[in-house]
Amino acid sequence: MTKSDKINFSTPSGFPEFLPSEKRLEVYLLDIIRKVFESYGFTPIETPAVERLEVLQAKGNQGDNIIYGIEPILPPNRQAEKDKSGETGSEARALKFDQTVPFAAYIARHLNELTFPFARYQMDMVFRGERAKDGRFRQFRQCDIDVVARGKLSLLYDAQMPAIIAEIFEKINIGDFVIRINNRKILTGFFQSVGVAENQIKTCISIIDNLEKIGEAKVKQELEKEGISSEQTEKIIEFVKIDGSIDDILDKLKHLAENLPEAEQFNLGVTELETVINGVRNLGVADKRFCIDLSIARGLNYYTGTVYETTLLGHEALGSICSGGRYEELVGTFIGEKMPGVGISIGLTRLISRLLKAGILNTLSATPAQVMVVNMQEDLMPVYLQVSQQLRQAGINVVTNFDKKQLGKQFQAADKQGIRFCVIIGAEEAAAQKSSLKDLQSGEQIEVALSDLSAEVKRRISIMQN
């Protein structure tokens, strides 16, 4: 192969690739998240990576700029070929950009097979055709939960979402965080009350959603570009900056509602928000873990009520580490029936990248193995295999060295992978049904009968974990 024939095997931009220590951290976090999701009764599903483009763009769910369109690459002699369903290879399809829109289509496809309210979790890859940069990827894993009902969905499901978020992040132990809660009906009602035209409200909400990212001055510019007067803009900015304790803000909102014209939508939003806040408290979430933030809007057009964003205190530059909200019309887009839903999403790949870089999380060891059975001499391999299985049957993760090397090099290999304990059995030990157990971290080496080996290793691992 000439130099010019070399294949470029570098990772495509924006598509992450994990080393074993990073992947093990992801698996560890996925396990925590899964257990919390399942403790609230959520069940796993999986949707295709590829959806019809018209599904992903239903109701203006997302701009073209982040959708990855795909089409089959066929050789020239097969360009006119049709697949078994009769669809041409050029039919518009795309990779899913989130889990929620495909979930809505999933419900439409399986409507008569599901029991409602239907609560599901999904921890799949999603794809976005945006510019790759530090901490932002074109492929990343999202961990989502959603509950969808037919006709009516209790607001207590909205209240349950912050309880789930809080439990996950407390178990991960990433430090102090706050779940910021709002209701889009409050924003919609306020915009109506200050005279913003109905066809401008969604755009204005999207602009307000960027307040934290682009700052107050830029938000004012963007609103005025949309034809919002400077007087209206000042009122909007003043409103979304209302602060105080949870109860203070609720009181301010109720007082404001008494003086607002056309306050029906606003009042409904305040009532819903109060119901959600009371539910969150009844679920035992401490007040320090959540707050009301009237600037939270969520950019996606399908959100209609409660919305959430989670911020890591002291690391606000990381942005939201978990977000979501309620939607009333998304599923109905596909089946023409009212099916409200509420959900949250953790962009796990992005989160891991950010938390590792900030030093909040550390990678795990490169292997799950806790013990290495070293190879002292080839003719003792049957003993090594038997001892390895004995340890595994006791619930211990074991690597057996099949290749005989210098003992020091075997210790080095174990240490490099983060394996702390090595089992050493030579001819004398085998004859006496004994072994040497070496702790690579402390350097301690003790003699242990093979019959007691599993119990001793488990005792030491337990001490190490505590």
Protein backbone atom coordinates (compact mmCIF):
# COMPACT_ATOMS: atom_id res chain seq x y z
CA MET A 1 0.00 0.00 0.00
CA THR A 2 1.42 3.35 -1.02
CA LYS A 3 1.35 6.41 1.20
CA SER A 4 -1.45 7.88 -0.93
CA ASP A 5 -3.51 4.67 -0.48
CA LYS A 6 -3.54 4.92 3.31
CA ILE A 7 -6.98 4.79 4.90
CA ASN A 8 -7.87 7.66 7.21
CA PHE A 9 -8.99 5.83 10.34
CA SER A 10 -9.30 8.87 12.62
CA THR A 11 -12.61 9.31 14.47
CA PRO A 12 -15.14 11.43 12.53
CA SER A 13 -15.52 14.88 14.08
CA GLY A 14 -18.14 14.99 16.81
CA PHE A 15 -18.43 11.22 17.22
CA PRO A 16 -16.94 10.22 20.59
CA GLU A 17 -14.91 7.10 21.26
CA PHE A 18 -14.34 5.90 24.83
CA LEU A 19 -11.31 4.24 26.36
CA PRO A 20 -12.13 1.32 28.70
CA SER A 21 -11.86 3.47 31.85
CA GLU A 22 -14.27 6.03 30.35
CA LYS A 23 -16.71 3.40 29.09
CA ARG A 24 -16.77 1.71 32.49
CA LEU A 25 -17.72 5.06 34.04
CA GLU A 26 -20.58 5.39 31.54
CA VAL A 27 -21.80 1.85 32.33
CA TYR A 28 -21.62 2.61 36.07
CA LEU A 29 -23.70 5.78 35.65
CA LEU A 30 -26.17 4.04 33.34
CA ASP A 31 -26.72 1.41 36.00
CA ILE A 32 -27.49 4.06 38.65
CA ILE A 33 -29.86 5.89 36.30
CA ARG A 34 -31.60 2.67 35.22
CA LYS A 35 -32.20 1.56 38.81
CA VAL A 36 -33.75 4.92 39.76
CA PHE A 37 -35.94 4.93 36.64
CA GLU A 38 -37.15 1.40 37.36
CA SER A 39 -37.80 2.20 41.04
CA TYR A 40 -40.52 4.60 39.81
CA GLY A 41 -42.01 1.95 37.51
CA PHE A 42 -40.55 3.05 34.18
CA THR A 43 -40.08 0.26 31.64
CA PRO A 44 -37.41 0.07 28.89
CA ILE A 45 -38.12 0.38 25.17
CA GLU A 46 -36.00 0.93 22.08
CA THR A 47 -36.85 2.88 18.93
CA PRO A 48 -34.95 2.79 15.62
CA ALA A 49 -31.96 5.07 15.11
CA VAL A 50 -33.56 6.05 11.82
CA GLU A 51 -36.97 7.68 11.44
CA ARG A 52 -38.88 9.13 8.53
CA LEU A 53 -37.93 12.78 8.12
CA GLU A 54 -41.59 13.84 8.22
CA VAL A 55 -41.88 12.23 11.68
CA LEU A 56 -38.88 14.13 13.06
CA GLN A 57 -40.12 17.43 11.61
CA ALA A 58 -43.74 17.03 12.73
CA LYS A 59 -45.14 20.20 14.36
CA GLY A 60 -41.85 22.03 13.70
CA ASN A 61 -40.15 19.96 16.35
CA GLN A 62 -36.62 20.85 15.29
CA GLY A 63 -34.78 22.87 12.71
CA ASP A 64 -33.15 21.29 9.67
CA ASN A 65 -29.75 22.40 10.92
CA ILE A 66 -29.50 19.60 13.50
CA ILE A 67 -31.13 16.75 11.58
CA TYR A 68 -28.87 14.18 9.93
CA GLY A 69 -30.55 13.08 6.72
CA ILE A 70 -29.46 9.69 5.40
CA GLU A 71 -29.88 7.66 2.25
CA PRO A 72 -28.49 4.26 1.24
CA ILE A 73 -25.20 4.23 -0.68
CA LEU A 74 -25.77 1.82 -3.55
CA PRO A 75 -23.41 0.84 -6.39
CA PRO A 76 -24.32 2.25 -9.82
CA ASN A 77 -25.93 -0.99 -10.98
CA ARG A 78 -28.38 -0.88 -8.02
CA GLN A 79 -29.38 2.79 -7.99
CA ALA A 80 -32.91 2.06 -9.17
CA GLU A 81 -33.37 -0.82 -6.74
CA LYS A 82 -36.32 -0.77 -4.36
CA ASP A 83 -36.38 -2.37 -0.97
CA LYS A 84 -38.90 -5.03 0.02
CA SER A 85 -41.44 -2.47 1.23
CA GLY A 86 -41.47 -0.81 -2.19
CA GLU A 87 -39.79 2.37 -0.92
CA THR A 88 -37.07 3.89 -3.06
CA GLY A 89 -33.59 4.33 -1.67
CA SER A 90 -33.98 8.09 -1.91
CA GLU A 91 -36.98 8.28 0.45
CA ALA A 92 -36.36 10.99 3.06
CA ARG A 93 -35.12 9.44 6.29
CA ALA A 94 -32.98 10.83 9.09
CA LEU A 95 -31.21 9.84 12.29
CA LYS A 96 -33.21 10.68 15.43
CA PHE A 97 -32.10 13.90 17.16
CA ASP A 98 -33.81 13.09 20.47
CA GLN A 99 -35.84 10.30 22.11
CA THR A 100 -39.14 12.15 22.60
CA VAL A 101 -40.36 12.59 19.02
CA PRO A 102 -39.57 8.95 18.09
CA PHE A 103 -41.34 7.93 21.32
CA ALA A 104 -44.46 9.78 20.19
CA ALA A 105 -44.35 7.89 16.89
CA TYR A 106 -43.74 4.64 18.82
CA ILE A 107 -46.95 5.18 20.79
CA ALA A 108 -48.87 5.79 17.57
CA ARG A 109 -47.49 2.54 16.13
CA HIS A 110 -48.27 0.47 19.25
CA LEU A 111 -51.32 2.28 20.60
CA ASN A 112 -53.43 -0.84 21.12
CA GLU A 113 -50.58 -2.86 22.65
CA LEU A 114 -49.72 -0.46 25.49
CA THR A 115 -51.32 0.26 28.88
CA PHE A 116 -51.80 3.94 29.77
CA PRO A 117 -50.49 5.98 31.43
CA PHE A 118 -47.43 4.49 29.75
CA ALA A 119 -44.10 5.20 31.49
CA ARG A 120 -40.95 4.30 29.61
CA TYR A 121 -37.23 4.87 29.81
CA GLN A 122 -34.75 4.82 26.96
CA MET A 123 -30.96 5.16 27.02
CA ASP A 124 -30.01 5.22 23.33
CA MET A 125 -27.76 7.19 21.01
CA VAL A 126 -29.12 10.29 19.25
CA PHE A 127 -27.55 12.27 16.41
CA ARG A 128 -27.37 15.98 15.68
CA GLY A 129 -25.88 17.65 12.64
CA GLU A 130 -24.53 20.61 14.55
CA ARG A 131 -21.01 21.97 14.62
CA ALA A 132 -18.85 19.74 16.80
CA LYS A 133 -16.98 21.52 19.58
CA ASP A 134 -15.71 20.94 23.08
CA GLY A 135 -18.40 19.20 25.11
CA ARG A 136 -20.86 19.04 22.20
CA PHE A 137 -21.15 15.98 20.01
CA ARG A 138 -22.91 14.85 16.86
CA GLN A 139 -23.57 11.45 18.44
CA PHE A 140 -24.33 11.11 22.13
CA ARG A 141 -26.30 8.96 24.55
CA GLN A 142 -29.50 10.38 26.02
CA CYS A 143 -31.19 8.86 29.06
CA ASP A 144 -34.89 9.72 28.87
CA ILE A 145 -38.07 9.01 30.77
CA ASP A 146 -41.56 9.98 29.64
CA VAL A 147 -45.09 9.28 30.81
CA VAL A 148 -47.95 9.58 28.32
CA ALA A 149 -51.68 9.23 29.02
CA ARG A 150 -54.86 9.21 26.95
CA GLY A 151 -57.00 12.29 27.54
CA LYS A 152 -55.61 13.51 30.89
CA LEU A 153 -52.29 13.21 32.72
CA SER A 154 -52.03 14.10 36.41
CA LEU A 155 -49.71 16.97 37.28
CA LEU A 156 -48.22 14.70 39.96
CA TYR A 157 -46.29 13.05 37.13
CA ASP A 158 -44.74 16.50 36.53
CA ALA A 159 -43.91 16.64 40.25
CA GLN A 160 -42.32 13.20 40.14
CA MET A 161 -39.72 14.28 37.56
CA PRO A 162 -37.70 16.56 39.93
CA ALA A 163 -37.79 13.79 42.57
CA ILE A 164 -36.22 11.41 40.04
CA ILE A 165 -33.63 13.97 38.93
CA ALA A 166 -32.67 14.73 42.54
CA GLU A 167 -32.32 11.05 43.44
CA ILE A 168 -30.09 10.33 40.43
CA PHE A 169 -27.69 13.21 41.00
CA GLU A 170 -27.50 12.57 44.75
CA LYS A 171 -26.56 8.94 44.05
CA ILE A 172 -23.95 10.01 41.48
CA ASN A 173 -22.64 12.43 44.13
CA ILE A 174 -21.66 15.26 41.80
CA GLY A 175 -22.06 18.05 44.36
CA ASP A 176 -24.74 20.70 44.86
CA PHE A 177 -27.30 21.17 42.11
CA VAL A 178 -30.64 22.91 41.67
CA ILE A 179 -33.60 21.92 39.49
CA ARG A 180 -35.12 25.08 38.00
CA ILE A 181 -38.84 24.79 37.31
CA ASN A 182 -41.22 26.98 35.32
CA ASN A 183 -44.46 26.66 33.33
CA ARG A 184 -44.69 27.86 29.74
CA LYS A 185 -48.33 28.83 30.22
CA ILE A 186 -47.10 31.51 32.63
CA LEU A 187 -44.79 32.92 29.95
CA THR A 188 -47.43 32.64 27.23
CA GLY A 189 -50.02 34.35 29.45
CA PHE A 190 -47.64 37.15 30.39
CA PHE A 191 -46.69 37.81 26.76
CA GLN A 192 -50.40 37.95 25.88
CA SER A 193 -51.01 40.42 28.71
CA VAL A 194 -48.35 42.86 27.46
CA GLY A 195 -49.73 42.77 23.91
CA VAL A 196 -47.36 40.38 22.13
CA ALA A 197 -49.10 38.99 19.04
CA GLU A 198 -50.12 35.32 19.19
CA ASN A 199 -47.90 34.41 16.22
CA GLN A 200 -44.86 35.96 17.94
CA ILE A 201 -45.15 34.27 21.32
CA LYS A 202 -43.26 31.03 20.54
CA THR A 203 -40.39 32.99 19.00
CA CYS A 204 -40.26 35.28 22.04
CA ILE A 205 -40.20 32.28 24.37
CA SER A 206 -37.26 30.83 22.41
CA ILE A 207 -35.41 34.15 22.73
CA ILE A 208 -36.04 34.30 26.50
CA ASP A 209 -34.76 30.73 26.78
CA ASN A 210 -31.35 32.05 25.66
CA LEU A 211 -31.17 34.75 28.35
CA GLU A 212 -28.51 32.92 30.34
CA LYS A 213 -26.43 32.14 27.24
CA ILE A 214 -26.48 35.48 25.42
CA GLY A 215 -27.24 37.99 28.18
CA GLU A 216 -29.89 40.63 28.76
CA ALA A 217 -28.67 43.15 26.17
CA LYS A 218 -28.68 40.59 23.36
CA VAL A 219 -32.12 39.31 24.37
CA LYS A 220 -33.47 42.86 24.17
CA GLN A 221 -31.98 43.23 20.68
CA GLU A 222 -33.49 39.93 19.53
CA LEU A 223 -36.93 40.82 20.91
CA GLU A 224 -36.87 44.23 19.26
CA LYS A 225 -35.89 42.57 15.94
CA GLU A 226 -39.13 40.60 16.24
CA GLY A 227 -41.07 43.86 16.50
CA ILE A 228 -41.48 43.83 20.27
CA SER A 229 -41.50 47.42 21.55
CA SER A 230 -38.91 48.63 24.04
CA GLU A 231 -41.67 49.08 26.62
CA GLN A 232 -42.87 45.50 26.15
CA THR A 233 -39.28 44.25 26.24
CA GLU A 234 -38.58 45.98 29.55
CA LYS A 235 -41.70 44.43 31.09
CA ILE A 236 -40.72 40.97 29.82
CA ILE A 237 -37.16 41.23 31.16
CA GLU A 238 -38.39 42.56 34.51
CA PHE A 239 -40.87 39.69 34.74
CA VAL A 240 -38.48 36.80 34.00
CA LYS A 241 -35.99 38.21 36.53
CA ILE A 242 -38.46 37.94 39.45
CA ASP A 243 -36.60 36.09 42.21
CA GLY A 244 -36.90 35.10 45.86
CA SER A 245 -37.83 31.92 47.67
CA ILE A 246 -40.25 29.44 46.07
CA ASP A 247 -43.16 30.73 48.18
CA ASP A 248 -42.20 34.38 47.59
CA ILE A 249 -42.29 33.91 43.82
CA LEU A 250 -45.63 32.07 43.95
CA ASP A 251 -47.07 34.93 46.01
CA LYS A 252 -45.71 37.51 43.54
CA LEU A 253 -47.22 35.60 40.62
CA LYS A 254 -50.63 35.38 42.29
CA HIS A 255 -50.55 39.09 43.09
CA LEU A 256 -49.48 39.93 39.54
CA ALA A 257 -52.34 37.85 38.11
CA GLU A 258 -54.86 40.10 39.89
CA ASN A 259 -53.70 43.07 37.82
CA LEU A 260 -53.03 41.42 34.45
CA PRO A 261 -55.46 41.81 31.55
CA GLU A 262 -56.41 38.53 29.81
CA ALA A 263 -54.91 36.54 32.70
CA GLU A 264 -56.66 33.19 32.09
CA GLN A 265 -53.63 31.40 30.61
CA PHE A 266 -51.32 33.04 33.15
CA ASN A 267 -53.52 31.93 36.06
CA LEU A 268 -53.69 28.38 34.72
CA GLY A 269 -49.89 28.28 34.55
CA VAL A 270 -49.53 29.57 38.12
CA THR A 271 -52.06 27.02 39.42
CA GLU A 272 -50.25 24.18 37.64
CA LEU A 273 -46.88 25.37 38.91
CA GLU A 274 -48.13 25.51 42.50
CA THR A 275 -49.57 21.99 42.20
CA VAL A 276 -46.24 20.70 40.89
CA ILE A 277 -44.25 22.47 43.63
CA ASN A 278 -46.49 21.00 46.35
CA GLY A 279 -46.07 17.55 44.80
CA VAL A 280 -42.29 17.87 44.69
CA ARG A 281 -42.27 18.76 48.39
CA ASN A 282 -44.59 15.86 49.25
CA LEU A 283 -42.16 13.52 47.47
CA GLY A 284 -39.50 14.59 49.97
CA VAL A 285 -37.30 16.72 47.74
CA ALA A 286 -35.53 19.37 49.84
CA ASP A 287 -36.24 23.00 48.93
CA LYS A 288 -32.52 23.56 48.36
CA ARG A 289 -32.70 21.13 45.42
CA PHE A 290 -35.25 23.08 43.35
CA CYS A 291 -36.46 26.59 42.66
CA ILE A 292 -38.81 28.59 40.42
CA ASP A 293 -37.00 30.32 37.54
CA LEU A 294 -39.29 32.27 35.22
CA SER A 295 -36.60 32.54 32.52
CA ILE A 296 -36.64 28.77 31.91
CA ALA A 297 -38.60 28.10 28.72
CA ARG A 298 -36.96 25.17 26.87
CA GLY A 299 -36.42 25.85 23.17
CA LEU A 300 -38.40 22.98 21.66
CA ASN A 301 -41.82 24.02 20.42
CA TYR A 302 -43.61 20.93 21.66
CA TYR A 303 -43.36 21.92 25.35
CA THR A 304 -46.62 23.43 26.61
CA GLY A 305 -46.59 23.42 30.43
CA THR A 306 -44.09 22.49 33.15
CA VAL A 307 -40.44 22.80 32.10
CA TYR A 308 -37.23 21.89 33.95
CA GLU A 309 -33.51 22.60 33.74
CA THR A 310 -30.90 21.35 36.21
CA THR A 311 -27.79 23.36 37.04
CA LEU A 312 -24.67 22.23 38.91
CA LEU A 313 -23.92 24.97 41.46
CA GLY A 314 -20.45 26.42 41.14
CA HIS A 315 -20.25 25.05 37.60
CA GLU A 316 -23.03 27.01 35.91
CA ALA A 317 -20.93 27.30 32.74
CA LEU A 318 -21.58 23.60 32.13
CA GLY A 319 -25.18 24.53 31.28
CA SER A 320 -28.20 22.34 32.00
CA ILE A 321 -27.26 18.77 32.98
CA CYS A 322 -30.85 17.48 32.83
CA SER A 323 -33.92 19.07 31.24
CA GLY A 324 -37.43 18.37 30.00
CA GLY A 325 -41.06 19.26 30.38
CA ARG A 326 -44.72 18.62 29.59
CA TYR A 327 -46.17 18.40 26.09
CA GLU A 328 -49.86 18.21 25.22
CA GLU A 329 -50.01 17.83 21.45
CA LEU A 330 -46.91 15.95 20.31
CA VAL A 331 -48.37 12.41 20.33
CA GLY A 332 -51.68 13.70 18.98
CA THR A 333 -49.78 14.97 15.94
CA PHE A 334 -49.55 11.35 14.78
CA ILE A 335 -52.94 9.94 15.84
CA GLY A 336 -55.32 12.89 16.18
CA GLU A 337 -56.09 12.16 19.83
CA LYS A 338 -55.23 14.17 22.94
CA MET A 339 -52.36 12.34 24.64
CA PRO A 340 -50.46 14.58 27.09
CA GLY A 341 -47.00 13.60 28.27
CA VAL A 342 -44.15 14.75 30.47
CA GLY A 343 -40.51 13.74 30.46
CA ILE A 344 -36.90 14.54 31.25
CA SER A 345 -33.63 13.85 29.49
CA ILE A 346 -30.02 13.49 30.62
CA GLY A 347 -27.49 13.94 27.81
CA LEU A 348 -25.12 11.44 29.40
CA THR A 349 -22.23 11.63 26.91
CA ARG A 350 -22.12 15.40 27.20
CA LEU A 351 -22.50 15.22 30.97
CA ILE A 352 -19.62 12.77 31.38
CA SER A 353 -17.37 14.87 29.15
CA ARG A 354 -18.14 18.04 31.10
CA LEU A 355 -17.82 16.47 34.56
CA LEU A 356 -14.52 14.72 33.74
CA LYS A 357 -13.05 17.94 32.39
CA ALA A 358 -14.20 19.86 35.48
CA GLY A 359 -12.70 17.21 37.77
CA ILE A 360 -16.10 16.45 39.32
CA LEU A 361 -16.03 12.82 38.17
CA ASN A 362 -13.08 10.49 37.64
CA THR A 363 -12.78 7.54 35.30
CA LEU A 364 -12.88 4.02 36.72
CA SER A 365 -10.12 1.43 36.39
CA ALA A 366 -9.60 0.05 32.90
CA THR A 367 -11.02 -3.37 33.82
CA PRO A 368 -13.78 -4.64 36.12
CA ALA A 369 -11.41 -7.40 37.29
CA GLN A 370 -10.59 -7.26 41.01
CA VAL A 371 -8.09 -10.14 41.07
CA MET A 372 -5.42 -11.49 38.75
CA VAL A 373 -4.38 -15.13 39.04
CA VAL A 374 -0.76 -14.99 37.90
CA ASN A 375 1.00 -17.67 35.86
CA MET A 376 4.00 -19.14 37.67
CA GLN A 377 4.40 -22.26 35.51
CA GLU A 378 2.45 -23.66 32.56
CA ASP A 379 1.87 -27.11 34.04
CA LEU A 380 -0.16 -25.54 36.88
CA MET A 381 -2.71 -24.03 34.48
CA PRO A 382 -5.44 -26.51 35.54
CA VAL A 383 -5.01 -25.23 39.13
CA TYR A 384 -5.15 -21.60 37.99
CA LEU A 385 -8.34 -22.25 36.03
CA GLN A 386 -9.99 -24.04 38.97
CA VAL A 387 -9.03 -21.28 41.43
CA SER A 388 -10.26 -18.60 39.00
CA GLN A 389 -13.63 -20.29 38.71
CA GLN A 390 -13.83 -20.69 42.50
CA LEU A 391 -13.36 -16.92 42.88
CA ARG A 392 -15.86 -16.10 40.13
CA GLN A 393 -18.49 -18.34 41.72
CA ALA A 394 -18.05 -16.26 44.87
CA GLY A 395 -18.92 -13.12 42.88
CA ILE A 396 -15.35 -11.87 42.35
CA ASN A 397 -14.21 -10.57 38.94
CA VAL A 398 -11.04 -12.40 37.86
CA VAL A 399 -8.44 -12.24 35.10
CA THR A 400 -6.40 -15.40 34.59
CA ASN A 401 -2.97 -14.93 33.07
CA PHE A 402 -2.67 -17.59 30.35
CA ASP A 403 0.84 -16.49 29.29
CA LYS A 404 3.84 -17.10 31.58
CA LYS A 405 5.94 -13.96 32.03
CA GLN A 406 8.28 -12.61 34.67
CA LEU A 407 6.34 -12.16 37.91
CA GLY A 408 7.22 -8.46 38.10
CA LYS A 409 5.79 -7.87 34.62
CA GLN A 410 2.57 -9.62 35.57
CA PHE A 411 2.28 -7.38 38.63
CA GLN A 412 2.92 -4.33 36.43
CA ALA A 413 0.17 -5.39 33.99
CA ALA A 414 -2.28 -5.86 36.87
CA ASP A 415 -1.40 -2.51 38.42
CA LYS A 416 -1.73 -0.69 35.08
CA GLN A 417 -5.30 -1.97 34.73
CA GLY A 418 -6.21 -1.06 38.29
CA ILE A 419 -6.30 -4.65 39.59
CA ARG A 420 -5.31 -4.52 43.25
CA PHE A 421 -4.97 -8.20 44.25
CA CYS A 422 -2.84 -10.96 42.72
CA VAL A 423 -3.10 -14.67 43.56
CA ILE A 424 0.26 -16.48 43.37
CA ILE A 425 0.44 -20.27 43.26
CA GLY A 426 3.70 -22.11 42.61
CA ALA A 427 4.44 -25.83 42.83
CA GLU A 428 4.85 -25.78 46.62
CA GLU A 429 1.64 -23.83 47.18
CA ALA A 430 -0.31 -26.11 44.83
CA ALA A 431 0.94 -29.22 46.65
CA ALA A 432 -0.06 -27.71 50.01
CA GLN A 433 -3.42 -26.40 48.69
CA LYS A 434 -2.34 -22.86 49.55
CA SER A 435 -1.75 -19.57 47.74
CA SER A 436 -0.09 -16.21 48.29
CA LEU A 437 -2.36 -13.16 48.06
CA LYS A 438 -0.55 -9.93 47.22
CA ASP A 439 -2.05 -6.45 47.68
CA LEU A 440 -0.35 -4.34 44.98
CA GLN A 441 -1.36 -1.09 46.63
CA SER A 442 0.04 -1.74 50.10
CA GLY A 443 2.69 -4.31 49.08
CA GLU A 444 1.40 -6.74 51.73
CA GLN A 445 1.56 -10.44 50.85
CA ILE A 446 -0.08 -13.16 52.95
CA GLU A 447 -0.47 -16.92 52.76
CA VAL A 448 -4.07 -18.17 52.39
CA ALA A 449 -5.47 -21.70 52.10
CA LEU A 450 -7.23 -22.21 48.77
CA SER A 451 -10.40 -23.14 50.65
CA ASP A 452 -10.34 -19.73 52.39
CA LEU A 453 -9.19 -17.66 49.41
CA SER A 454 -12.60 -16.45 48.19
CA ALA A 455 -13.66 -15.34 51.68
CA GLU A 456 -10.38 -13.49 52.27
CA VAL A 457 -10.51 -11.67 48.92
CA LYS A 458 -14.14 -10.67 49.53
CA ARG A 459 -13.26 -9.39 53.01
CA ARG A 460 -10.47 -7.22 51.63
CA ILE A 461 -12.57 -5.88 48.77
CA SER A 462 -15.31 -4.99 51.26
CA ILE A 463 -12.82 -3.06 53.43
CA MET A 464 -11.49 -1.28 50.35
CA GLN A 465 -14.99 -0.24 49.21
CA ASN A 466 -15.94 1.07 52.64
